[in-house]
Amino acid sequence: MDTGADMDMLENVQRELASRKGHLAEIAKISRISYKTLLRIRDGEVDPGYSKVKALAAAIRDLQCRSPL
C-alpha cells in the first residue's frame, strides 16, 4: 500500500480493529482473513495488500450494520 488514500484506509482499519477487540474473530471470519493475520495488520507488523485492507473495511462495515457500537 503506497498511496495516501490507501494509507488512510489502512490507518482507519487499524483504528477500527483496535477499538473492536471483542469482535476480531467475527471480523476475521467475515473478511476470510486469518485471525493471526488480522492481529498482525492491527498491530502494524505487516504491510498488507490492498485487497486485505479492503476486505477488512467491508467486514467492519458489515459488522456495524448488524450491531452498531
C-alpha atoms as a PDB file:
ATOM      1  CA  MET A   1       0.000   0.000   0.000  1.00  0.00           C
ATOM      2  CA  ASP A   2       1.683   3.183  -1.047  1.00  0.00           C
ATOM      3  CA  THR A   3      -0.737   5.982  -1.903  1.00  0.00           C
ATOM      4  CA  GLY A   4      -2.033   8.465   0.645  1.00  0.00           C
ATOM      5  CA  ALA A   5      -5.627   7.286   0.297  1.00  0.00           C
ATOM      6  CA  ASP A   6      -4.562   3.666   0.744  1.00  0.00           C
ATOM      7  CA  MET A   7      -2.619   4.577   3.893  1.00  0.00           C
ATOM      8  CA  ASP A   8      -5.659   6.423   5.241  1.00  0.00           C
ATOM      9  CA  MET A   9      -7.779   3.318   4.666  1.00  0.00           C
ATOM     10  CA  LEU A  10      -5.181   1.141   6.387  1.00  0.00           C
ATOM     11  CA  GLU A  11      -4.961   3.515   9.362  1.00  0.00           C
ATOM     12  CA  ASN A  12      -8.756   3.608   9.638  1.00  0.00           C
ATOM     13  CA  VAL A  13      -8.932  -0.197   9.540  1.00  0.00           C
ATOM     14  CA  GLN A  14      -6.193  -0.492  12.177  1.00  0.00           C
ATOM     15  CA  ARG A  15      -8.018   2.009  14.406  1.00  0.00           C
ATOM     16  CA  GLU A  16     -11.317   0.147  13.998  1.00  0.00           C
ATOM     17  CA  LEU A  17      -9.677  -3.198  14.750  1.00  0.00           C
ATOM     18  CA  ALA A  18      -8.091  -1.767  17.898  1.00  0.00           C
ATOM     19  CA  SER A  19     -11.477  -0.494  19.086  1.00  0.00           C
ATOM     20  CA  ARG A  20     -13.343  -3.745  18.353  1.00  0.00           C
ATOM     21  CA  LYS A  21     -11.284  -6.222  20.360  1.00  0.00           C
ATOM     22  CA  GLY A  22     -14.299  -8.346  21.261  1.00  0.00           C
ATOM     23  CA  HIS A  23     -15.295  -8.744  17.619  1.00  0.00           C
ATOM     24  CA  LEU A  24     -11.979  -9.589  15.948  1.00  0.00           C
ATOM     25  CA  ALA A  25     -12.768 -13.273  15.440  1.00  0.00           C
ATOM     26  CA  GLU A  26     -16.029 -12.344  13.724  1.00  0.00           C
ATOM     27  CA  ILE A  27     -14.284  -9.743  11.543  1.00  0.00           C
ATOM     28  CA  ALA A  28     -11.690 -12.351  10.577  1.00  0.00           C
ATOM     29  CA  LYS A  29     -14.432 -14.810   9.637  1.00  0.00           C
ATOM     30  CA  ILE A  30     -16.411 -12.269   7.588  1.00  0.00           C
ATOM     31  CA  SER A  31     -13.313 -10.997   5.771  1.00  0.00           C
ATOM     32  CA  ARG A  32     -11.877 -14.509   5.269  1.00  0.00           C
ATOM     33  CA  ILE A  33      -8.548 -13.333   6.667  1.00  0.00           C
ATOM     34  CA  SER A  34      -6.925 -15.444   9.334  1.00  0.00           C
ATOM     35  CA  TYR A  35      -7.187 -14.187  12.887  1.00  0.00           C
ATOM     36  CA  LYS A  36      -3.396 -14.190  13.214  1.00  0.00           C
ATOM     37  CA  THR A  37      -3.002 -12.067  10.065  1.00  0.00           C
ATOM     38  CA  LEU A  38      -5.724  -9.719  11.280  1.00  0.00           C
ATOM     39  CA  LEU A  39      -3.787  -9.203  14.536  1.00  0.00           C
ATOM     40  CA  ARG A  40      -0.589  -8.516  12.617  1.00  0.00           C
ATOM     41  CA  ILE A  41      -2.372  -5.932  10.461  1.00  0.00           C
ATOM     42  CA  ARG A  42      -3.940  -4.321  13.534  1.00  0.00           C
ATOM     43  CA  ASP A  43      -0.557  -4.122  15.237  1.00  0.00           C
ATOM     44  CA  GLY A  44       1.246  -2.784  12.167  1.00  0.00           C
ATOM     45  CA  GLU A  45       3.538  -5.812  11.942  1.00  0.00           C
ATOM     46  CA  VAL A  46       2.872  -6.365   8.230  1.00  0.00           C
ATOM     47  CA  ASP A  47       2.245  -4.206   5.174  1.00  0.00           C
ATOM     48  CA  PRO A  48      -0.978  -5.776   3.877  1.00  0.00           C
ATOM     49  CA  GLY A  49      -2.097  -5.731   0.294  1.00  0.00           C
ATOM     50  CA  TYR A  50      -4.966  -3.522  -0.780  1.00  0.00           C
ATOM     51  CA  SER A  51      -7.333  -6.484  -1.145  1.00  0.00           C
ATOM     52  CA  LYS A  52      -6.886  -7.474   2.509  1.00  0.00           C
ATOM     53  CA  VAL A  53      -7.431  -3.939   3.769  1.00  0.00           C
ATOM     54  CA  LYS A  54     -10.496  -3.600   1.547  1.00  0.00           C
ATOM     55  CA  ALA A  55     -11.875  -6.937   2.817  1.00  0.00           C
ATOM     56  CA  LEU A  56     -11.347  -5.861   6.432  1.00  0.00           C
ATOM     57  CA  ALA A  57     -13.002  -2.487   5.816  1.00  0.00           C
ATOM     58  CA  ALA A  58     -16.007  -4.250   4.256  1.00  0.00           C
ATOM     59  CA  ALA A  59     -16.220  -6.711   7.165  1.00  0.00           C
ATOM     60  CA  ILE A  60     -16.139  -3.856   9.681  1.00  0.00           C
ATOM     61  CA  ARG A  61     -18.919  -2.046   7.782  1.00  0.00           C
ATOM     62  CA  ASP A  62     -20.945  -5.264   7.692  1.00  0.00           C
ATOM     63  CA  LEU A  63     -20.492  -5.727  11.419  1.00  0.00           C
ATOM     64  CA  GLN A  64     -21.502  -2.097  12.065  1.00  0.00           C
ATOM     65  CA  CYS A  65     -24.728  -2.635  10.132  1.00  0.00           C
ATOM     66  CA  ARG A  66     -25.543  -5.677  12.258  1.00  0.00           C
ATOM     67  CA  SER A  67     -24.677  -4.201  15.639  1.00  0.00           C
ATOM     68  CA  PRO A  68     -23.504  -0.575  15.753  1.00  0.00           C
ATOM     69  CA  LEU A  69     -21.255   0.398  18.652  1.00  0.00           C
END
